[in-house]
């Protein structure tokens, strides 16, 4: 079953808090995106202490669009985050993976849209999950990269079981494409939070996920 995970990228904590509460009862996880201007040009809200007072039943994962993930990992873990994604294009990748295991959190790596699959291949035995950017990381609303589909297929050829999340341009059409290629999580920002009905947008992605998953399973069974 494919999981839908709302993604939140904001510069102010009240907006983050509002969006988390908007999806309570609809999803199990929310992704918080942070950037400090080192890996991507923009910056977001990056203070972990505010999350310690966030009252929610939703579990939080952190997508770190930063050069040095070690700068944020421990403090966001203390604030209650359970799953982390550092970028393979950043620094200290091996050290980040080791620290995640020491902390007992889910360790993930993100790979940016323009980055070749080979960059992440060597780490796949040491991580719990992968986040594939279907755009160039940094801002929501960028166009879907069609080469994302082939990248997901390459990952799936190497590891049939590893969870693959896809983030960026994840509307109902593009979600179907990446699920058919082997994605198991859809992380969506604009499609969900720009919708007039957030619940309906999430349900639409979930329905697309079911249809695409069943179609993929049918193809796999007949192969």
C-alpha atoms as a PDB file:
ATOM      1  CA  UNK A   1       0.000   0.000   0.000  1.00  0.00           C
ATOM      2  CA  UNK A   2       1.292   3.437  -0.940  1.00  0.00           C
ATOM      3  CA  UNK A   3       1.326   6.058   1.823  1.00  0.00           C
ATOM      4  CA  UNK A   4       0.508   9.752   1.356  1.00  0.00           C
ATOM      5  CA  UNK A   5       2.680  12.131   3.402  1.00  0.00           C
ATOM      6  CA  UNK A   6       1.976  15.878   3.346  1.00  0.00           C
ATOM      7  CA  UNK A   7       5.161  17.945   2.981  1.00  0.00           C
ATOM      8  CA  UNK A   8       5.488  21.345   4.652  1.00  0.00           C
ATOM      9  CA  UNK A   9       8.008  24.003   3.637  1.00  0.00           C
ATOM     10  CA  UNK A  10       7.532  27.322   5.463  1.00  0.00           C
ATOM     11  CA  UNK A  11       9.510  30.219   6.908  1.00  0.00           C
ATOM     12  CA  UNK A  12       7.210  30.730   9.930  1.00  0.00           C
ATOM     13  CA  UNK A  13       6.333  28.199  12.626  1.00  0.00           C
ATOM     14  CA  UNK A  14       2.654  29.252  12.946  1.00  0.00           C
ATOM     15  CA  UNK A  15       2.152  28.233   9.295  1.00  0.00           C
ATOM     16  CA  UNK A  16       3.811  24.873   9.950  1.00  0.00           C
ATOM     17  CA  UNK A  17       1.633  24.317  13.011  1.00  0.00           C
ATOM     18  CA  UNK A  18      -1.524  25.274  11.119  1.00  0.00           C
ATOM     19  CA  UNK A  19      -0.787  22.856   8.291  1.00  0.00           C
ATOM     20  CA  UNK A  20       0.028  19.991  10.646  1.00  0.00           C
ATOM     21  CA  UNK A  21      -3.337  20.447  12.343  1.00  0.00           C
ATOM     22  CA  UNK A  22      -5.066  20.640   8.943  1.00  0.00           C
ATOM     23  CA  UNK A  23      -4.101  17.040   8.172  1.00  0.00           C
ATOM     24  CA  UNK A  24      -4.595  15.474  11.603  1.00  0.00           C
ATOM     25  CA  UNK A  25      -6.745  12.390  11.383  1.00  0.00           C
ATOM     26  CA  UNK A  26      -6.046  12.095   7.654  1.00  0.00           C
ATOM     27  CA  UNK A  27      -2.437  10.837   7.611  1.00  0.00           C
ATOM     28  CA  UNK A  28       0.071   9.166   9.929  1.00  0.00           C
ATOM     29  CA  UNK A  29       3.184  11.141   8.957  1.00  0.00           C
ATOM     30  CA  UNK A  30       4.049  14.699   7.970  1.00  0.00           C
ATOM     31  CA  UNK A  31       7.312  15.778   6.365  1.00  0.00           C
ATOM     32  CA  UNK A  32       8.910  19.030   7.499  1.00  0.00           C
ATOM     33  CA  UNK A  33      11.326  20.522   4.960  1.00  0.00           C
ATOM     34  CA  UNK A  34      14.198  22.673   6.183  1.00  0.00           C
ATOM     35  CA  UNK A  35      16.817  24.655   4.264  1.00  0.00           C
ATOM     36  CA  UNK A  36      19.543  26.964   5.513  1.00  0.00           C
ATOM     37  CA  UNK A  37      20.861  28.349   2.230  1.00  0.00           C
ATOM     38  CA  UNK A  38      23.847  25.992   2.068  1.00  0.00           C
ATOM     39  CA  UNK A  39      22.570  23.237  -0.251  1.00  0.00           C
ATOM     40  CA  UNK A  40      19.701  25.080  -1.918  1.00  0.00           C
ATOM     41  CA  UNK A  41      19.430  28.857  -2.279  1.00  0.00           C
ATOM     42  CA  UNK A  42      16.386  29.453  -0.101  1.00  0.00           C
ATOM     43  CA  UNK A  43      15.939  29.298   3.671  1.00  0.00           C
ATOM     44  CA  UNK A  44      13.073  28.046   5.841  1.00  0.00           C
ATOM     45  CA  UNK A  45      12.122  27.865   9.488  1.00  0.00           C
ATOM     46  CA  UNK A  46      14.904  25.808  11.116  1.00  0.00           C
ATOM     47  CA  UNK A  47      14.442  26.137  14.895  1.00  0.00           C
ATOM     48  CA  UNK A  48      13.801  22.682  16.395  1.00  0.00           C
ATOM     49  CA  UNK A  49      12.789  23.975  19.830  1.00  0.00           C
ATOM     50  CA  UNK A  50       9.387  25.169  18.592  1.00  0.00           C
ATOM     51  CA  UNK A  51       8.428  21.590  17.745  1.00  0.00           C
ATOM     52  CA  UNK A  52       8.804  20.452  21.356  1.00  0.00           C
ATOM     53  CA  UNK A  53       5.496  22.178  22.147  1.00  0.00           C
ATOM     54  CA  UNK A  54       3.674  20.982  19.035  1.00  0.00           C
ATOM     55  CA  UNK A  55       0.697  18.934  20.200  1.00  0.00           C
ATOM     56  CA  UNK A  56      -0.140  16.390  17.514  1.00  0.00           C
ATOM     57  CA  UNK A  57      -0.643  12.665  17.082  1.00  0.00           C
ATOM     58  CA  UNK A  58       1.069  12.766  13.687  1.00  0.00           C
ATOM     59  CA  UNK A  59       4.616  11.465  13.453  1.00  0.00           C
ATOM     60  CA  UNK A  60       7.218  13.845  12.051  1.00  0.00           C
ATOM     61  CA  UNK A  61       9.973  13.248   9.521  1.00  0.00           C
ATOM     62  CA  UNK A  62      12.614  15.821   8.611  1.00  0.00           C
ATOM     63  CA  UNK A  63      13.871  16.498   5.085  1.00  0.00           C
ATOM     64  CA  UNK A  64      17.145  18.382   5.487  1.00  0.00           C
ATOM     65  CA  UNK A  65      18.070  20.364   2.384  1.00  0.00           C
ATOM     66  CA  UNK A  66      21.355  21.373   3.997  1.00  0.00           C
ATOM     67  CA  UNK A  67      25.051  20.734   3.486  1.00  0.00           C
ATOM     68  CA  UNK A  68      25.692  19.620   7.078  1.00  0.00           C
ATOM     69  CA  UNK A  69      22.897  17.358   8.405  1.00  0.00           C
ATOM     70  CA  UNK A  70      24.803  16.738  11.645  1.00  0.00           C
ATOM     71  CA  UNK A  71      24.124  20.352  12.606  1.00  0.00           C
ATOM     72  CA  UNK A  72      20.386  19.624  12.900  1.00  0.00           C
ATOM     73  CA  UNK A  73      19.975  15.901  13.486  1.00  0.00           C
ATOM     74  CA  UNK A  74      20.333  15.653  17.268  1.00  0.00           C
ATOM     75  CA  UNK A  75      18.234  18.684  18.188  1.00  0.00           C
ATOM     76  CA  UNK A  76      15.366  17.734  15.879  1.00  0.00           C
ATOM     77  CA  UNK A  77      15.493  14.223  17.307  1.00  0.00           C
ATOM     78  CA  UNK A  78      15.163  15.723  20.797  1.00  0.00           C
ATOM     79  CA  UNK A  79      12.158  17.691  19.495  1.00  0.00           C
ATOM     80  CA  UNK A  80      10.389  14.448  18.622  1.00  0.00           C
ATOM     81  CA  UNK A  81      11.268  13.672  14.996  1.00  0.00           C
ATOM     82  CA  UNK A  82      11.444   9.945  14.222  1.00  0.00           C
ATOM     83  CA  UNK A  83      12.593   9.769  10.578  1.00  0.00           C
ATOM     84  CA  UNK A  84      15.293  11.786   8.821  1.00  0.00           C
ATOM     85  CA  UNK A  85      16.422  12.426   5.267  1.00  0.00           C
ATOM     86  CA  UNK A  86      19.779  14.031   4.529  1.00  0.00           C
ATOM     87  CA  UNK A  87      20.813  14.761   0.963  1.00  0.00           C
ATOM     88  CA  UNK A  88      23.353  12.545  -0.722  1.00  0.00           C
ATOM     89  CA  UNK A  89      24.666  15.746  -2.349  1.00  0.00           C
ATOM     90  CA  UNK A  90      25.560  17.132   1.089  1.00  0.00           C
ATOM     91  CA  UNK A  91      28.508  16.544   3.405  1.00  0.00           C
ATOM     92  CA  UNK A  92      29.182  13.935   6.115  1.00  0.00           C
ATOM     93  CA  UNK A  93      26.837  11.339   4.622  1.00  0.00           C
ATOM     94  CA  UNK A  94      28.494   8.326   6.272  1.00  0.00           C
ATOM     95  CA  UNK A  95      28.701  10.132   9.614  1.00  0.00           C
ATOM     96  CA  UNK A  96      25.049  11.101   9.364  1.00  0.00           C
ATOM     97  CA  UNK A  97      24.010   7.482   8.750  1.00  0.00           C
ATOM     98  CA  UNK A  98      26.033   6.287  11.740  1.00  0.00           C
ATOM     99  CA  UNK A  99      24.584   8.973  14.001  1.00  0.00           C
ATOM    100  CA  UNK A 100      21.024   8.040  13.019  1.00  0.00           C
ATOM    101  CA  UNK A 101      21.658   4.466  14.051  1.00  0.00           C
ATOM    102  CA  UNK A 102      23.115   5.660  17.362  1.00  0.00           C
ATOM    103  CA  UNK A 103      19.976   7.720  17.992  1.00  0.00           C
ATOM    104  CA  UNK A 104      17.663   4.864  17.018  1.00  0.00           C
ATOM    105  CA  UNK A 105      15.782   6.805  14.337  1.00  0.00           C
ATOM    106  CA  UNK A 106      14.861   5.857  10.785  1.00  0.00           C
ATOM    107  CA  UNK A 107      17.722   6.839   8.508  1.00  0.00           C
ATOM    108  CA  UNK A 108      16.910   7.988   5.003  1.00  0.00           C
ATOM    109  CA  UNK A 109      18.798   9.609   2.162  1.00  0.00           C
ATOM    110  CA  UNK A 110      17.357  12.055  -0.341  1.00  0.00           C
ATOM    111  CA  UNK A 111      18.567  12.350  -3.914  1.00  0.00           C
ATOM    112  CA  UNK A 112      17.941  15.527  -5.884  1.00  0.00           C
ATOM    113  CA  UNK A 113      16.252  15.573  -9.274  1.00  0.00           C
ATOM    114  CA  UNK A 114      19.376  16.267 -11.376  1.00  0.00           C
ATOM    115  CA  UNK A 115      21.580  13.778  -9.457  1.00  0.00           C
ATOM    116  CA  UNK A 116      22.407  10.415 -11.032  1.00  0.00           C
ATOM    117  CA  UNK A 117      21.236   7.226  -9.312  1.00  0.00           C
ATOM    118  CA  UNK A 118      24.832   6.051  -8.886  1.00  0.00           C
ATOM    119  CA  UNK A 119      25.409   8.734  -6.239  1.00  0.00           C
ATOM    120  CA  UNK A 120      23.078   6.978  -3.806  1.00  0.00           C
ATOM    121  CA  UNK A 121      23.671   3.364  -4.861  1.00  0.00           C
ATOM    122  CA  UNK A 122      26.660   2.775  -2.573  1.00  0.00           C
ATOM    123  CA  UNK A 123      24.663   3.742   0.547  1.00  0.00           C
ATOM    124  CA  UNK A 124      21.565   1.657  -0.070  1.00  0.00           C
ATOM    125  CA  UNK A 125      22.589  -1.261   2.158  1.00  0.00           C
ATOM    126  CA  UNK A 126      23.008   1.101   5.117  1.00  0.00           C
ATOM    127  CA  UNK A 127      19.740   3.063   5.097  1.00  0.00           C
ATOM    128  CA  UNK A 128      16.068   2.431   5.853  1.00  0.00           C
ATOM    129  CA  UNK A 129      14.433   4.468   3.089  1.00  0.00           C
ATOM    130  CA  UNK A 130      15.038   6.796   0.128  1.00  0.00           C
ATOM    131  CA  UNK A 131      13.476  10.122  -0.819  1.00  0.00           C
ATOM    132  CA  UNK A 132      13.611  10.804  -4.555  1.00  0.00           C
ATOM    133  CA  UNK A 133      13.133  14.420  -5.574  1.00  0.00           C
ATOM    134  CA  UNK A 134      11.027  14.617  -8.729  1.00  0.00           C
ATOM    135  CA  UNK A 135      12.071  18.255  -9.104  1.00  0.00           C
ATOM    136  CA  UNK A 136      15.198  20.220  -8.319  1.00  0.00           C
ATOM    137  CA  UNK A 137      15.104  20.647  -4.545  1.00  0.00           C
ATOM    138  CA  UNK A 138      14.500  23.971  -2.874  1.00  0.00           C
ATOM    139  CA  UNK A 139      11.038  25.230  -3.755  1.00  0.00           C
ATOM    140  CA  UNK A 140       7.634  23.690  -4.265  1.00  0.00           C
ATOM    141  CA  UNK A 141       5.777  24.203  -7.528  1.00  0.00           C
ATOM    142  CA  UNK A 142       8.646  23.307  -9.868  1.00  0.00           C
ATOM    143  CA  UNK A 143       7.929  21.086 -12.900  1.00  0.00           C
ATOM    144  CA  UNK A 144       8.054  17.295 -12.732  1.00  0.00           C
ATOM    145  CA  UNK A 145      11.218  15.687 -14.091  1.00  0.00           C
ATOM    146  CA  UNK A 146      10.286  12.761 -16.324  1.00  0.00           C
ATOM    147  CA  UNK A 147      13.666  11.089 -15.666  1.00  0.00           C
ATOM    148  CA  UNK A 148      12.451  10.487 -12.104  1.00  0.00           C
ATOM    149  CA  UNK A 149      10.628   7.384 -13.313  1.00  0.00           C
ATOM    150  CA  UNK A 150      13.814   5.753 -14.588  1.00  0.00           C
ATOM    151  CA  UNK A 151      15.677   6.640 -11.381  1.00  0.00           C
ATOM    152  CA  UNK A 152      13.015   4.921  -9.283  1.00  0.00           C
ATOM    153  CA  UNK A 153      13.186   1.834 -11.485  1.00  0.00           C
ATOM    154  CA  UNK A 154      16.969   1.660 -10.997  1.00  0.00           C
ATOM    155  CA  UNK A 155      16.561   1.858  -7.229  1.00  0.00           C
ATOM    156  CA  UNK A 156      13.874  -0.810  -7.288  1.00  0.00           C
ATOM    157  CA  UNK A 157      16.053  -3.094  -9.432  1.00  0.00           C
ATOM    158  CA  UNK A 158      18.730  -2.975  -6.722  1.00  0.00           C
ATOM    159  CA  UNK A 159      16.400  -3.330  -3.727  1.00  0.00           C
ATOM    160  CA  UNK A 160      12.876  -4.681  -4.104  1.00  0.00           C
ATOM    161  CA  UNK A 161      11.874  -3.910  -0.512  1.00  0.00           C
ATOM    162  CA  UNK A 162      13.275  -0.498   0.432  1.00  0.00           C
ATOM    163  CA  UNK A 163      10.601   2.202   0.878  1.00  0.00           C
ATOM    164  CA  UNK A 164      10.858   4.859  -1.847  1.00  0.00           C
ATOM    165  CA  UNK A 165       9.260   8.234  -1.184  1.00  0.00           C
ATOM    166  CA  UNK A 166       8.886  10.776  -3.977  1.00  0.00           C
ATOM    167  CA  UNK A 167       8.652  14.505  -3.355  1.00  0.00           C
ATOM    168  CA  UNK A 168       8.032  17.399  -5.732  1.00  0.00           C
ATOM    169  CA  UNK A 169       5.253  17.985  -8.295  1.00  0.00           C
ATOM    170  CA  UNK A 170       3.269  15.173  -6.715  1.00  0.00           C
ATOM    171  CA  UNK A 171      -0.196  15.717  -8.115  1.00  0.00           C
ATOM    172  CA  UNK A 172      -2.533  12.865  -9.040  1.00  0.00           C
ATOM    173  CA  UNK A 173      -1.061  12.454 -12.559  1.00  0.00           C
ATOM    174  CA  UNK A 174       2.603  12.389 -11.564  1.00  0.00           C
ATOM    175  CA  UNK A 175       1.924  10.275  -8.483  1.00  0.00           C
ATOM    176  CA  UNK A 176       0.531   7.538 -10.714  1.00  0.00           C
ATOM    177  CA  UNK A 177       3.713   7.615 -12.814  1.00  0.00           C
ATOM    178  CA  UNK A 178       6.107   7.160  -9.895  1.00  0.00           C
ATOM    179  CA  UNK A 179       3.977   4.523  -8.164  1.00  0.00           C
ATOM    180  CA  UNK A 180       3.963   2.496 -11.373  1.00  0.00           C
ATOM    181  CA  UNK A 181       7.771   2.711 -11.318  1.00  0.00           C
ATOM    182  CA  UNK A 182       7.980   1.398  -7.745  1.00  0.00           C
ATOM    183  CA  UNK A 183       7.441   4.306  -5.334  1.00  0.00           C
ATOM    184  CA  UNK A 184       5.747   3.453  -2.034  1.00  0.00           C
ATOM    185  CA  UNK A 185       5.267   6.918  -0.513  1.00  0.00           C
ATOM    186  CA  UNK A 186       3.946  10.130  -2.051  1.00  0.00           C
ATOM    187  CA  UNK A 187       5.115  13.323  -0.346  1.00  0.00           C
ATOM    188  CA  UNK A 188       3.018  16.223  -1.563  1.00  0.00           C
ATOM    189  CA  UNK A 189       2.979  19.922  -0.722  1.00  0.00           C
ATOM    190  CA  UNK A 190       1.214  22.184  -3.223  1.00  0.00           C
ATOM    191  CA  UNK A 191      -1.368  19.640  -4.415  1.00  0.00           C
ATOM    192  CA  UNK A 192      -2.576  19.172  -0.843  1.00  0.00           C
ATOM    193  CA  UNK A 193      -2.222  22.573   0.771  1.00  0.00           C
ATOM    194  CA  UNK A 194      -3.249  24.657  -2.242  1.00  0.00           C
ATOM    195  CA  UNK A 195      -6.453  22.662  -2.602  1.00  0.00           C
ATOM    196  CA  UNK A 196      -9.776  24.165  -1.551  1.00  0.00           C
ATOM    197  CA  UNK A 197     -10.484  20.879   0.261  1.00  0.00           C
ATOM    198  CA  UNK A 198      -7.368  19.372   1.860  1.00  0.00           C
ATOM    199  CA  UNK A 199      -9.123  16.160   2.857  1.00  0.00           C
ATOM    200  CA  UNK A 200     -10.381  15.628  -0.682  1.00  0.00           C
ATOM    201  CA  UNK A 201      -6.899  16.239  -2.120  1.00  0.00           C
ATOM    202  CA  UNK A 202      -5.395  13.635   0.209  1.00  0.00           C
ATOM    203  CA  UNK A 203      -8.157  11.159  -0.599  1.00  0.00           C
ATOM    204  CA  UNK A 204      -7.571  11.707  -4.308  1.00  0.00           C
ATOM    205  CA  UNK A 205      -3.877  10.867  -3.917  1.00  0.00           C
ATOM    206  CA  UNK A 206      -4.760   7.812  -1.840  1.00  0.00           C
ATOM    207  CA  UNK A 207      -7.218   6.609  -4.483  1.00  0.00           C
ATOM    208  CA  UNK A 208      -4.665   7.144  -7.254  1.00  0.00           C
ATOM    209  CA  UNK A 209      -2.179   5.221  -5.144  1.00  0.00           C
ATOM    210  CA  UNK A 210      -4.525   2.251  -4.809  1.00  0.00           C
ATOM    211  CA  UNK A 211      -5.310   2.159  -8.533  1.00  0.00           C
ATOM    212  CA  UNK A 212      -1.651   2.549  -9.575  1.00  0.00           C
ATOM    213  CA  UNK A 213      -0.487  -0.046  -7.042  1.00  0.00           C
ATOM    214  CA  UNK A 214      -3.048  -2.578  -8.230  1.00  0.00           C
ATOM    215  CA  UNK A 215      -2.080  -1.971 -11.855  1.00  0.00           C
ATOM    216  CA  UNK A 216       1.606  -2.413 -11.025  1.00  0.00           C
ATOM    217  CA  UNK A 217       0.910  -5.618  -9.081  1.00  0.00           C
ATOM    218  CA  UNK A 218      -1.056  -7.007 -12.013  1.00  0.00           C
ATOM    219  CA  UNK A 219       1.860  -6.292 -14.344  1.00  0.00           C
ATOM    220  CA  UNK A 220       4.365  -7.840 -11.915  1.00  0.00           C
ATOM    221  CA  UNK A 221       2.232 -10.969 -11.489  1.00  0.00           C
ATOM    222  CA  UNK A 222       1.984 -11.501 -15.235  1.00  0.00           C
ATOM    223  CA  UNK A 223       5.695 -10.954 -15.868  1.00  0.00           C
END
